Amino acid sequence: MNIRNVGFVGLGLMGAPMAANLVRKGWVVTAWNRSASALDRFEELGGSRADDVASLRDQPVIVFMLPDLGFIEETAAGLLASWADAPPAPGTAVVVMSSVSPSGVRGFGDRVREASAGNAFVVDAPVSGGTKGAVDGTLAIMAGADDEPAFNRLRPLLAAMGTTVRLLGPLGAGSLAKACNQLVVGTTTAALAEAAELAERSGLDVAALYEVLSGGLAGSRVLDIVGPRLVERDYTPTGPAKFMHKDLSFVVEAAEAAGAAVPMAAAGVELYAELKRQGLGDQDLAAVRQTISNLSTRASAAADEGIITA
């Protein structure tokens, strides 16, 4: 099989620049996307389009970059049906680069193996680094695979999209690592948002506060990257905030299976659920500041009402 030929499913905020980097670095990429306009732009970069996902059946590698496992299973249904009729070449790889449930992706791996008569296998390889990392090709890629030699054959492909590629264990390990990543990112962003609201409502300058924090133990990549958006209340999407609720739910799910306590993740699930209830889910992760601002205003109004009616 020619590993330089790749199928790619999903040309969204992350998938489009990831697929574009593959084309720039010499891969022959055939892509499918629900929106035809994204495929038009991809063809202008030198990629090719697929009429449907099932038509990618003979690609040696098929990458999925869709919002969740439910979307992946829906779009892959025709592909698996085609493989059930005529199995693909041995060693065909399905690479799930979305943030998905660790247990869910293991189940998907079982279904792919069964449909393909054991000829196809699944690797989970979710990414971190946001749209900037996707554009720059500097993503961190955390992977899980049951067959390490087979995974190593995929390393050049993954290295074309990221600068850090690490196999962390069997299928599902990459998704668990991504859940841990999101635990840190989601709760840190929420803590920074809380600090911003507390500071501003107390008369402090948030930008000055963050400058001081960045020089001490509270400094972090999250502060460096998300901090300016929190200061400016810039919620232009670099990735929809609603996905953090999904990702933190995976943390809780994995913790239950492992017998681990995750109080920060549990609090984060509720906070990002509130963000969605407030209609902010399609905005940037930094919109969690607006969620906390709205909660603060609500609490202040309730307190004032209590004083008035007392």
C-alpha atoms as a PDB file:
ATOM      1  CA  MET A   1       0.000   0.000   0.000  1.00  0.00           C
ATOM      2  CA  ASN A   2       1.096   3.542  -0.715  1.00  0.00           C
ATOM      3  CA  ILE A   3       1.017   5.362   2.610  1.00  0.00           C
ATOM      4  CA  ARG A   4       1.225   8.660   0.726  1.00  0.00           C
ATOM      5  CA  ASN A   5      -2.427   8.225  -0.279  1.00  0.00           C
ATOM      6  CA  VAL A   6      -4.862   9.317   2.406  1.00  0.00           C
ATOM      7  CA  GLY A   7      -8.613   9.739   2.760  1.00  0.00           C
ATOM      8  CA  PHE A   8      -9.695  12.614   4.996  1.00  0.00           C
ATOM      9  CA  VAL A   9     -13.196  13.092   6.422  1.00  0.00           C
ATOM     10  CA  GLY A  10     -14.109  16.474   7.907  1.00  0.00           C
ATOM     11  CA  LEU A  11     -12.816  19.855   6.717  1.00  0.00           C
ATOM     12  CA  GLY A  12     -13.947  22.039   9.598  1.00  0.00           C
ATOM     13  CA  LEU A  13     -11.989  24.576  11.666  1.00  0.00           C
ATOM     14  CA  MET A  14      -9.369  21.961  12.541  1.00  0.00           C
ATOM     15  CA  GLY A  15      -9.685  19.427   9.736  1.00  0.00           C
ATOM     16  CA  ALA A  16      -9.265  21.851   6.834  1.00  0.00           C
ATOM     17  CA  PRO A  17      -5.806  23.137   7.849  1.00  0.00           C
ATOM     18  CA  MET A  18      -4.699  19.654   8.900  1.00  0.00           C
ATOM     19  CA  ALA A  19      -5.615  18.224   5.491  1.00  0.00           C
ATOM     20  CA  ALA A  20      -4.023  21.233   3.789  1.00  0.00           C
ATOM     21  CA  ASN A  21      -0.724  20.538   5.584  1.00  0.00           C
ATOM     22  CA  LEU A  22      -0.786  16.965   4.300  1.00  0.00           C
ATOM     23  CA  VAL A  23      -1.193  18.212   0.731  1.00  0.00           C
ATOM     24  CA  ARG A  24       1.612  20.757   1.134  1.00  0.00           C
ATOM     25  CA  LYS A  25       3.924  18.047   2.451  1.00  0.00           C
ATOM     26  CA  GLY A  26       3.387  15.692  -0.448  1.00  0.00           C
ATOM     27  CA  TRP A  27       0.480  13.462   0.526  1.00  0.00           C
ATOM     28  CA  VAL A  28      -2.193  12.668  -2.038  1.00  0.00           C
ATOM     29  CA  VAL A  29      -5.338  13.522  -0.093  1.00  0.00           C
ATOM     30  CA  THR A  30      -8.907  12.732  -1.097  1.00  0.00           C
ATOM     31  CA  ALA A  31     -11.387  14.415   1.211  1.00  0.00           C
ATOM     32  CA  TRP A  32     -15.076  14.314   2.009  1.00  0.00           C
ATOM     33  CA  ASN A  33     -16.998  17.020   3.818  1.00  0.00           C
ATOM     34  CA  ARG A  34     -20.682  17.685   4.312  1.00  0.00           C
ATOM     35  CA  SER A  35     -20.281  21.253   3.012  1.00  0.00           C
ATOM     36  CA  ALA A  36     -19.271  21.458  -0.653  1.00  0.00           C
ATOM     37  CA  SER A  37     -17.699  24.916  -0.238  1.00  0.00           C
ATOM     38  CA  ALA A  38     -14.956  23.472   1.992  1.00  0.00           C
ATOM     39  CA  LEU A  39     -14.208  20.890  -0.688  1.00  0.00           C
ATOM     40  CA  ASP A  40     -13.996  23.626  -3.329  1.00  0.00           C
ATOM     41  CA  ARG A  41     -11.335  25.413  -1.269  1.00  0.00           C
ATOM     42  CA  PHE A  42      -9.517  22.137  -0.669  1.00  0.00           C
ATOM     43  CA  GLU A  43      -9.344  21.380  -4.387  1.00  0.00           C
ATOM     44  CA  GLU A  44      -7.821  24.820  -4.960  1.00  0.00           C
ATOM     45  CA  LEU A  45      -4.975  23.732  -2.637  1.00  0.00           C
ATOM     46  CA  GLY A  46      -4.333  20.597  -4.691  1.00  0.00           C
ATOM     47  CA  GLY A  47      -6.504  18.069  -2.886  1.00  0.00           C
ATOM     48  CA  SER A  48      -9.213  15.870  -4.380  1.00  0.00           C
ATOM     49  CA  ARG A  49     -12.825  15.354  -3.373  1.00  0.00           C
ATOM     50  CA  ALA A  50     -14.732  12.172  -2.670  1.00  0.00           C
ATOM     51  CA  ASP A  51     -18.415  11.867  -3.553  1.00  0.00           C
ATOM     52  CA  ASP A  52     -19.066  10.017  -0.318  1.00  0.00           C
ATOM     53  CA  VAL A  53     -17.150   8.381   2.522  1.00  0.00           C
ATOM     54  CA  ALA A  54     -17.730   4.888   1.134  1.00  0.00           C
ATOM     55  CA  SER A  55     -15.752   5.839  -1.973  1.00  0.00           C
ATOM     56  CA  LEU A  56     -12.671   6.131   0.270  1.00  0.00           C
ATOM     57  CA  ARG A  57     -12.831   2.381   0.968  1.00  0.00           C
ATOM     58  CA  ASP A  58      -9.576   1.542  -0.841  1.00  0.00           C
ATOM     59  CA  GLN A  59      -7.476   4.285   0.718  1.00  0.00           C
ATOM     60  CA  PRO A  60      -4.722   2.786   2.906  1.00  0.00           C
ATOM     61  CA  VAL A  61      -5.462   5.371   5.621  1.00  0.00           C
ATOM     62  CA  ILE A  62      -8.701   7.203   6.351  1.00  0.00           C
ATOM     63  CA  VAL A  63      -8.576  10.093   8.832  1.00  0.00           C
ATOM     64  CA  PHE A  64     -11.737  11.243  10.594  1.00  0.00           C
ATOM     65  CA  MET A  65     -11.876  14.766  12.054  1.00  0.00           C
ATOM     66  CA  LEU A  66     -15.525  15.278  13.009  1.00  0.00           C
ATOM     67  CA  PRO A  67     -17.101  16.734  16.165  1.00  0.00           C
ATOM     68  CA  ASP A  68     -17.864  13.458  17.958  1.00  0.00           C
ATOM     69  CA  LEU A  69     -17.997   9.695  17.615  1.00  0.00           C
ATOM     70  CA  GLY A  70     -21.686   9.795  16.747  1.00  0.00           C
ATOM     71  CA  PHE A  71     -20.886  11.870  13.642  1.00  0.00           C
ATOM     72  CA  ILE A  72     -18.038   9.511  12.753  1.00  0.00           C
ATOM     73  CA  GLU A  73     -20.192   6.389  13.026  1.00  0.00           C
ATOM     74  CA  GLU A  74     -22.954   8.008  10.985  1.00  0.00           C
ATOM     75  CA  THR A  75     -20.633   9.047   8.155  1.00  0.00           C
ATOM     76  CA  ALA A  76     -18.706   5.759   8.269  1.00  0.00           C
ATOM     77  CA  ALA A  77     -21.810   3.559   7.989  1.00  0.00           C
ATOM     78  CA  GLY A  78     -21.584   3.261   4.191  1.00  0.00           C
ATOM     79  CA  LEU A  79     -17.860   2.617   4.413  1.00  0.00           C
ATOM     80  CA  LEU A  80     -18.304  -0.261   6.850  1.00  0.00           C
ATOM     81  CA  ALA A  81     -21.133  -1.687   4.744  1.00  0.00           C
ATOM     82  CA  SER A  82     -18.863  -1.621   1.706  1.00  0.00           C
ATOM     83  CA  TRP A  83     -16.126  -3.407   3.642  1.00  0.00           C
ATOM     84  CA  ALA A  84     -18.622  -5.996   4.837  1.00  0.00           C
ATOM     85  CA  ASP A  85     -19.378  -6.805   1.185  1.00  0.00           C
ATOM     86  CA  ALA A  86     -15.716  -6.800   0.121  1.00  0.00           C
ATOM     87  CA  PRO A  87     -13.003  -6.435   2.779  1.00  0.00           C
ATOM     88  CA  PRO A  88     -10.318  -3.781   2.281  1.00  0.00           C
ATOM     89  CA  ALA A  89      -6.632  -4.513   1.927  1.00  0.00           C
ATOM     90  CA  PRO A  90      -4.988  -5.904   5.066  1.00  0.00           C
ATOM     91  CA  GLY A  91      -3.515  -3.192   7.282  1.00  0.00           C
ATOM     92  CA  THR A  92      -6.009  -0.481   6.320  1.00  0.00           C
ATOM     93  CA  ALA A  93      -5.931   2.190   9.032  1.00  0.00           C
ATOM     94  CA  VAL A  94      -8.815   4.296  10.334  1.00  0.00           C
ATOM     95  CA  VAL A  95      -7.424   7.238  12.324  1.00  0.00           C
ATOM     96  CA  VAL A  96      -9.851   9.000  14.655  1.00  0.00           C
ATOM     97  CA  MET A  97      -8.378  12.432  15.394  1.00  0.00           C
ATOM     98  CA  SER A  98     -11.494  13.860  17.035  1.00  0.00           C
ATOM     99  CA  SER A  99     -12.015  14.132  20.799  1.00  0.00           C
ATOM    100  CA  VAL A 100     -14.114  11.071  21.605  1.00  0.00           C
ATOM    101  CA  SER A 101     -14.959   8.778  24.494  1.00  0.00           C
ATOM    102  CA  PRO A 102     -12.128   6.324  25.315  1.00  0.00           C
ATOM    103  CA  SER A 103     -14.579   3.450  25.740  1.00  0.00           C
ATOM    104  CA  GLY A 104     -16.571   4.592  22.706  1.00  0.00           C
ATOM    105  CA  VAL A 105     -13.581   4.510  20.377  1.00  0.00           C
ATOM    106  CA  ARG A 106     -12.697   1.014  21.566  1.00  0.00           C
ATOM    107  CA  GLY A 107     -16.205  -0.091  20.635  1.00  0.00           C
ATOM    108  CA  PHE A 108     -15.827   1.598  17.250  1.00  0.00           C
ATOM    109  CA  GLY A 109     -12.570  -0.300  16.779  1.00  0.00           C
ATOM    110  CA  ASP A 110     -14.421  -3.576  17.358  1.00  0.00           C
ATOM    111  CA  ARG A 111     -17.054  -2.662  14.759  1.00  0.00           C
ATOM    112  CA  VAL A 112     -14.418  -1.685  12.178  1.00  0.00           C
ATOM    113  CA  ARG A 113     -12.498  -4.906  12.737  1.00  0.00           C
ATOM    114  CA  GLU A 114     -15.669  -6.992  12.398  1.00  0.00           C
ATOM    115  CA  ALA A 115     -16.935  -5.189   9.278  1.00  0.00           C
ATOM    116  CA  SER A 116     -13.557  -5.441   7.543  1.00  0.00           C
ATOM    117  CA  ALA A 117     -12.985  -9.122   8.355  1.00  0.00           C
ATOM    118  CA  GLY A 118     -10.040  -8.052  10.502  1.00  0.00           C
ATOM    119  CA  ASN A 119      -8.294  -6.197   7.663  1.00  0.00           C
ATOM    120  CA  ALA A 120      -8.800  -2.667   9.061  1.00  0.00           C
ATOM    121  CA  PHE A 121      -7.831  -1.327  12.462  1.00  0.00           C
ATOM    122  CA  VAL A 122      -8.552   1.879  14.364  1.00  0.00           C
ATOM    123  CA  VAL A 123      -6.054   4.276  15.921  1.00  0.00           C
ATOM    124  CA  ASP A 124      -7.270   7.105  18.112  1.00  0.00           C
ATOM    125  CA  ALA A 125      -5.036  10.155  17.725  1.00  0.00           C
ATOM    126  CA  PRO A 126      -6.744  13.269  19.099  1.00  0.00           C
ATOM    127  CA  VAL A 127      -4.920  16.574  18.944  1.00  0.00           C
ATOM    128  CA  SER A 128      -4.217  19.623  21.068  1.00  0.00           C
ATOM    129  CA  GLY A 129      -3.042  23.034  19.924  1.00  0.00           C
ATOM    130  CA  GLY A 130      -6.179  24.666  18.565  1.00  0.00           C
ATOM    131  CA  THR A 131      -6.669  26.153  15.124  1.00  0.00           C
ATOM    132  CA  LYS A 132      -3.286  27.901  15.269  1.00  0.00           C
ATOM    133  CA  GLY A 133      -1.538  24.582  15.834  1.00  0.00           C
ATOM    134  CA  ALA A 134      -3.575  23.029  13.032  1.00  0.00           C
ATOM    135  CA  VAL A 135      -2.588  25.800  10.619  1.00  0.00           C
ATOM    136  CA  ASP A 136       1.063  25.815  11.671  1.00  0.00           C
ATOM    137  CA  GLY A 137       1.358  22.026  11.735  1.00  0.00           C
ATOM    138  CA  THR A 138       2.488  22.113  15.374  1.00  0.00           C
ATOM    139  CA  LEU A 139      -0.256  20.049  16.984  1.00  0.00           C
ATOM    140  CA  ALA A 140       0.406  17.708  19.890  1.00  0.00           C
ATOM    141  CA  ILE A 141      -0.941  14.301  18.869  1.00  0.00           C
ATOM    142  CA  MET A 142      -1.678  11.740  21.576  1.00  0.00           C
ATOM    143  CA  ALA A 143      -2.360   8.271  20.261  1.00  0.00           C
ATOM    144  CA  GLY A 144      -3.676   4.867  21.203  1.00  0.00           C
ATOM    145  CA  ALA A 145      -3.145   1.753  19.090  1.00  0.00           C
ATOM    146  CA  ASP A 146      -3.214  -1.973  19.720  1.00  0.00           C
ATOM    147  CA  ASP A 147      -0.479  -2.667  17.156  1.00  0.00           C
ATOM    148  CA  GLU A 148       2.643  -0.566  17.718  1.00  0.00           C
ATOM    149  CA  PRO A 149       4.446  -1.530  14.461  1.00  0.00           C
ATOM    150  CA  ALA A 150       1.302  -0.634  12.488  1.00  0.00           C
ATOM    151  CA  PHE A 151       1.105   2.675  14.346  1.00  0.00           C
ATOM    152  CA  ASN A 152       4.745   3.423  13.581  1.00  0.00           C
ATOM    153  CA  ARG A 153       3.953   3.197   9.871  1.00  0.00           C
ATOM    154  CA  LEU A 154       1.524   6.086  10.445  1.00  0.00           C
ATOM    155  CA  ARG A 155       4.062   8.314  12.190  1.00  0.00           C
ATOM    156  CA  PRO A 156       5.157  10.218   9.046  1.00  0.00           C
ATOM    157  CA  LEU A 157       1.525  11.052   8.331  1.00  0.00           C
ATOM    158  CA  LEU A 158       0.889  12.309  11.858  1.00  0.00           C
ATOM    159  CA  ALA A 159       4.205  14.187  11.927  1.00  0.00           C
ATOM    160  CA  ALA A 160       3.028  16.159   8.898  1.00  0.00           C
ATOM    161  CA  MET A 161       0.286  17.620  11.110  1.00  0.00           C
ATOM    162  CA  GLY A 162       2.012  17.874  14.488  1.00  0.00           C
ATOM    163  CA  THR A 163       5.385  18.317  16.116  1.00  0.00           C
ATOM    164  CA  THR A 164       4.680  16.045  19.092  1.00  0.00           C
ATOM    165  CA  VAL A 165       3.448  12.532  18.302  1.00  0.00           C
ATOM    166  CA  ARG A 166       3.279  10.068  21.182  1.00  0.00           C
ATOM    167  CA  LEU A 167       1.845   6.558  21.403  1.00  0.00           C
ATOM    168  CA  LEU A 168       0.481   6.285  24.950  1.00  0.00           C
ATOM    169  CA  GLY A 169      -0.960   2.769  24.975  1.00  0.00           C
ATOM    170  CA  PRO A 170      -3.630   0.605  23.355  1.00  0.00           C
ATOM    171  CA  LEU A 171      -6.700   1.888  21.525  1.00  0.00           C
ATOM    172  CA  GLY A 172      -8.467   4.422  23.735  1.00  0.00           C
ATOM    173  CA  ALA A 173      -5.282   5.669  25.414  1.00  0.00           C
ATOM    174  CA  GLY A 174      -5.056   8.688  23.127  1.00  0.00           C
ATOM    175  CA  SER A 175      -8.629   9.682  23.921  1.00  0.00           C
ATOM    176  CA  LEU A 176      -7.999   9.314  27.636  1.00  0.00           C
ATOM    177  CA  ALA A 177      -4.917  11.532  27.323  1.00  0.00           C
ATOM    178  CA  LYS A 178      -6.991  14.108  25.432  1.00  0.00           C
ATOM    179  CA  ALA A 179      -9.611  13.992  28.190  1.00  0.00           C
ATOM    180  CA  CYS A 180      -6.852  14.745  30.724  1.00  0.00           C
ATOM    181  CA  ASN A 181      -5.647  17.577  28.487  1.00  0.00           C
ATOM    182  CA  GLN A 182      -9.153  19.034  28.383  1.00  0.00           C
ATOM    183  CA  LEU A 183      -9.483  18.707  32.153  1.00  0.00           C
ATOM    184  CA  VAL A 184      -6.472  20.996  32.529  1.00  0.00           C
ATOM    185  CA  VAL A 185      -7.448  23.399  29.727  1.00  0.00           C
ATOM    186  CA  GLY A 186     -11.137  23.635  30.615  1.00  0.00           C
ATOM    187  CA  THR A 187     -10.724  24.151  34.340  1.00  0.00           C
ATOM    188  CA  THR A 188      -7.747  26.495  33.928  1.00  0.00           C
ATOM    189  CA  THR A 189      -9.690  28.652  31.479  1.00  0.00           C
ATOM    190  CA  ALA A 190     -12.621  28.712  33.899  1.00  0.00           C
ATOM    191  CA  ALA A 191     -10.330  29.695  36.788  1.00  0.00           C
ATOM    192  CA  LEU A 192      -8.825  32.509  34.720  1.00  0.00           C
ATOM    193  CA  ALA A 193     -12.323  33.679  33.816  1.00  0.00           C
ATOM    194  CA  GLU A 194     -13.356  33.681  37.472  1.00  0.00           C
ATOM    195  CA  ALA A 195     -10.239  35.637  38.383  1.00  0.00           C
ATOM    196  CA  ALA A 196     -10.981  38.148  35.629  1.00  0.00           C
ATOM    197  CA  GLU A 197     -14.545  38.745  36.814  1.00  0.00           C
ATOM    198  CA  LEU A 198     -13.542  38.978  40.469  1.00  0.00           C
ATOM    199  CA  ALA A 199     -10.726  41.401  39.641  1.00  0.00           C
ATOM    200  CA  GLU A 200     -12.770  43.634  37.348  1.00  0.00           C
ATOM    201  CA  ARG A 201     -15.757  43.806  39.691  1.00  0.00           C
ATOM    202  CA  SER A 202     -13.351  44.734  42.496  1.00  0.00           C
ATOM    203  CA  GLY A 203     -11.756  47.555  40.509  1.00  0.00           C
ATOM    204  CA  LEU A 204      -8.598  45.855  39.227  1.00  0.00           C
ATOM    205  CA  ASP A 205      -7.324  45.984  35.651  1.00  0.00           C
ATOM    206  CA  VAL A 206      -7.569  42.459  34.268  1.00  0.00           C
ATOM    207  CA  ALA A 207      -4.748  42.887  31.735  1.00  0.00           C
ATOM    208  CA  ALA A 208      -2.419  44.091  34.506  1.00  0.00           C
ATOM    209  CA  LEU A 209      -3.482  41.182  36.705  1.00  0.00           C
ATOM    210  CA  TYR A 210      -2.742  38.644  33.984  1.00  0.00           C
ATOM    211  CA  GLU A 211       0.653  40.248  33.332  1.00  0.00           C
ATOM    212  CA  VAL A 212       1.578  39.715  36.967  1.00  0.00           C
ATOM    213  CA  LEU A 213       0.180  36.176  36.994  1.00  0.00           C
ATOM    214  CA  SER A 214       2.162  35.236  33.894  1.00  0.00           C
ATOM    215  CA  GLY A 215       5.415  36.030  35.700  1.00  0.00           C
ATOM    216  CA  GLY A 216       4.680  33.693  38.595  1.00  0.00           C
ATOM    217  CA  LEU A 217       3.549  30.150  39.285  1.00  0.00           C
ATOM    218  CA  ALA A 218       0.144  30.850  37.723  1.00  0.00           C
ATOM    219  CA  GLY A 219       1.762  31.412  34.314  1.00  0.00           C
ATOM    220  CA  SER A 220       0.745  28.849  31.696  1.00  0.00           C
ATOM    221  CA  ARG A 221       0.208  28.280  27.976  1.00  0.00           C
ATOM    222  CA  VAL A 222      -3.509  28.598  28.642  1.00  0.00           C
ATOM    223  CA  LEU A 223      -2.973  32.052  30.133  1.00  0.00           C
ATOM    224  CA  ASP A 224      -0.721  33.050  27.232  1.00  0.00           C
ATOM    225  CA  ILE A 225      -3.144  31.896  24.525  1.00  0.00           C
ATOM    226  CA  VAL A 226      -6.614  32.317  26.031  1.00  0.00           C
ATOM    227  CA  GLY A 227      -5.790  35.179  28.400  1.00  0.00           C
ATOM    228  CA  PRO A 228      -5.873  37.953  25.773  1.00  0.00           C
ATOM    229  CA  ARG A 229      -9.294  36.776  24.580  1.00  0.00           C
ATOM    230  CA  LEU A 230     -10.579  36.771  28.150  1.00  0.00           C
ATOM    231  CA  VAL A 231      -9.283  40.318  28.682  1.00  0.00           C
ATOM    232  CA  GLU A 232     -10.867  41.612  25.475  1.00  0.00           C
ATOM    233  CA  ARG A 233     -14.019  39.513  25.858  1.00  0.00           C
ATOM    234  CA  ASP A 234     -13.250  38.257  22.359  1.00  0.00           C
ATOM    235  CA  TYR A 235     -15.379  35.183  21.849  1.00  0.00           C
ATOM    236  CA  THR A 236     -14.795  34.739  18.115  1.00  0.00           C
ATOM    237  CA  PRO A 237     -14.717  30.938  17.734  1.00  0.00           C
ATOM    238  CA  THR A 238     -11.388  29.184  17.383  1.00  0.00           C
ATOM    239  CA  GLY A 239     -13.322  26.093  18.441  1.00  0.00           C
ATOM    240  CA  PRO A 240     -16.863  25.933  19.869  1.00  0.00           C
ATOM    241  CA  ALA A 241     -16.972  26.106  23.667  1.00  0.00           C
ATOM    242  CA  LYS A 242     -19.763  23.513  23.774  1.00  0.00           C
ATOM    243  CA  PHE A 243     -17.242  20.778  23.004  1.00  0.00           C
ATOM    244  CA  MET A 244     -15.575  21.346  26.387  1.00  0.00           C
ATOM    245  CA  HIS A 245     -18.742  20.101  28.066  1.00  0.00           C
ATOM    246  CA  LYS A 246     -18.510  16.907  25.988  1.00  0.00           C
ATOM    247  CA  ASP A 247     -14.797  16.475  26.704  1.00  0.00           C
ATOM    248  CA  LEU A 248     -15.143  16.948  30.464  1.00  0.00           C
ATOM    249  CA  SER A 249     -17.998  14.447  30.436  1.00  0.00           C
ATOM    250  CA  PHE A 250     -15.491  11.950  29.015  1.00  0.00           C
ATOM    251  CA  VAL A 251     -13.208  12.703  31.983  1.00  0.00           C
ATOM    252  CA  VAL A 252     -16.021  11.846  34.402  1.00  0.00           C
ATOM    253  CA  GLU A 253     -16.863   8.693  32.426  1.00  0.00           C
ATOM    254  CA  ALA A 254     -13.222   7.537  32.453  1.00  0.00           C
ATOM    255  CA  ALA A 255     -12.870   8.374  36.143  1.00  0.00           C
ATOM    256  CA  GLU A 256     -15.877   6.240  37.020  1.00  0.00           C
ATOM    257  CA  ALA A 257     -14.340   3.314  35.134  1.00  0.00           C
ATOM    258  CA  ALA A 258     -10.972   3.800  36.864  1.00  0.00           C
ATOM    259  CA  GLY A 259     -12.323   4.514  40.344  1.00  0.00           C
ATOM    260  CA  ALA A 260     -10.751   7.987  40.392  1.00  0.00           C
ATOM    261  CA  ALA A 261     -12.200  11.117  42.005  1.00  0.00           C
ATOM    262  CA  VAL A 262     -12.370  14.110  39.648  1.00  0.00           C
ATOM    263  CA  PRO A 263     -14.083  16.949  41.541  1.00  0.00           C
ATOM    264  CA  MET A 264     -12.683  19.638  39.238  1.00  0.00           C
ATOM    265  CA  ALA A 265     -13.986  17.838  36.157  1.00  0.00           C
ATOM    266  CA  ALA A 266     -17.405  17.380  37.782  1.00  0.00           C
ATOM    267  CA  ALA A 267     -17.605  21.104  38.533  1.00  0.00           C
ATOM    268  CA  GLY A 268     -16.432  21.862  34.998  1.00  0.00           C
ATOM    269  CA  VAL A 269     -19.152  19.693  33.462  1.00  0.00           C
ATOM    270  CA  GLU A 270     -21.800  21.734  35.266  1.00  0.00           C
ATOM    271  CA  LEU A 271     -20.183  25.080  34.412  1.00  0.00           C
ATOM    272  CA  TYR A 272     -19.926  24.304  30.702  1.00  0.00           C
ATOM    273  CA  ALA A 273     -23.454  22.892  30.745  1.00  0.00           C
ATOM    274  CA  GLU A 274     -24.520  26.312  32.060  1.00  0.00           C
ATOM    275  CA  LEU A 275     -22.542  27.931  29.237  1.00  0.00           C
ATOM    276  CA  LYS A 276     -24.620  25.928  26.757  1.00  0.00           C
ATOM    277  CA  ARG A 277     -27.855  26.797  28.572  1.00  0.00           C
ATOM    278  CA  GLN A 278     -26.933  30.467  28.201  1.00  0.00           C
ATOM    279  CA  GLY A 279     -26.682  30.005  24.430  1.00  0.00           C
ATOM    280  CA  LEU A 280     -22.897  30.517  24.303  1.00  0.00           C
ATOM    281  CA  GLY A 281     -21.920  27.055  23.074  1.00  0.00           C
ATOM    282  CA  ASP A 282     -20.957  28.091  19.538  1.00  0.00           C
ATOM    283  CA  GLN A 283     -18.642  30.848  20.763  1.00  0.00           C
ATOM    284  CA  ASP A 284     -14.989  30.481  21.738  1.00  0.00           C
ATOM    285  CA  LEU A 285     -13.906  28.716  24.911  1.00  0.00           C
ATOM    286  CA  ALA A 286     -13.175  32.163  26.356  1.00  0.00           C
ATOM    287  CA  ALA A 287     -16.965  32.702  26.467  1.00  0.00           C
ATOM    288  CA  VAL A 288     -16.860  30.912  29.817  1.00  0.00           C
ATOM    289  CA  ARG A 289     -16.034  34.396  31.150  1.00  0.00           C
ATOM    290  CA  GLN A 290     -19.411  35.618  29.891  1.00  0.00           C
ATOM    291  CA  THR A 291     -21.040  32.617  31.553  1.00  0.00           C
ATOM    292  CA  ILE A 292     -19.444  33.547  34.878  1.00  0.00           C
ATOM    293  CA  SER A 293     -20.301  37.223  34.347  1.00  0.00           C
ATOM    294  CA  ASN A 294     -23.941  36.289  33.785  1.00  0.00           C
ATOM    295  CA  LEU A 295     -23.943  34.120  36.908  1.00  0.00           C
ATOM    296  CA  SER A 296     -22.385  36.983  38.871  1.00  0.00           C
ATOM    297  CA  THR A 297     -25.001  39.446  37.671  1.00  0.00           C
ATOM    298  CA  ARG A 298     -27.757  36.999  38.514  1.00  0.00           C
ATOM    299  CA  ALA A 299     -26.349  36.391  41.999  1.00  0.00           C
ATOM    300  CA  SER A 300     -25.934  40.135  42.598  1.00  0.00           C
ATOM    301  CA  ALA A 301     -29.522  40.820  41.524  1.00  0.00           C
ATOM    302  CA  ALA A 302     -30.793  38.060  43.789  1.00  0.00           C
ATOM    303  CA  ALA A 303     -28.817  39.503  46.699  1.00  0.00           C
ATOM    304  CA  ASP A 304     -30.216  42.983  46.038  1.00  0.00           C
ATOM    305  CA  GLU A 305     -33.720  41.556  45.853  1.00  0.00           C
ATOM    306  CA  GLY A 306     -33.149  39.881  49.196  1.00  0.00           C
ATOM    307  CA  ILE A 307     -32.087  43.185  50.742  1.00  0.00           C
ATOM    308  CA  ILE A 308     -35.090  45.004  49.290  1.00  0.00           C
ATOM    309  CA  THR A 309     -37.608  42.438  50.452  1.00  0.00           C
ATOM    310  CA  ALA A 310     -36.078  41.894  53.882  1.00  0.00           C
END
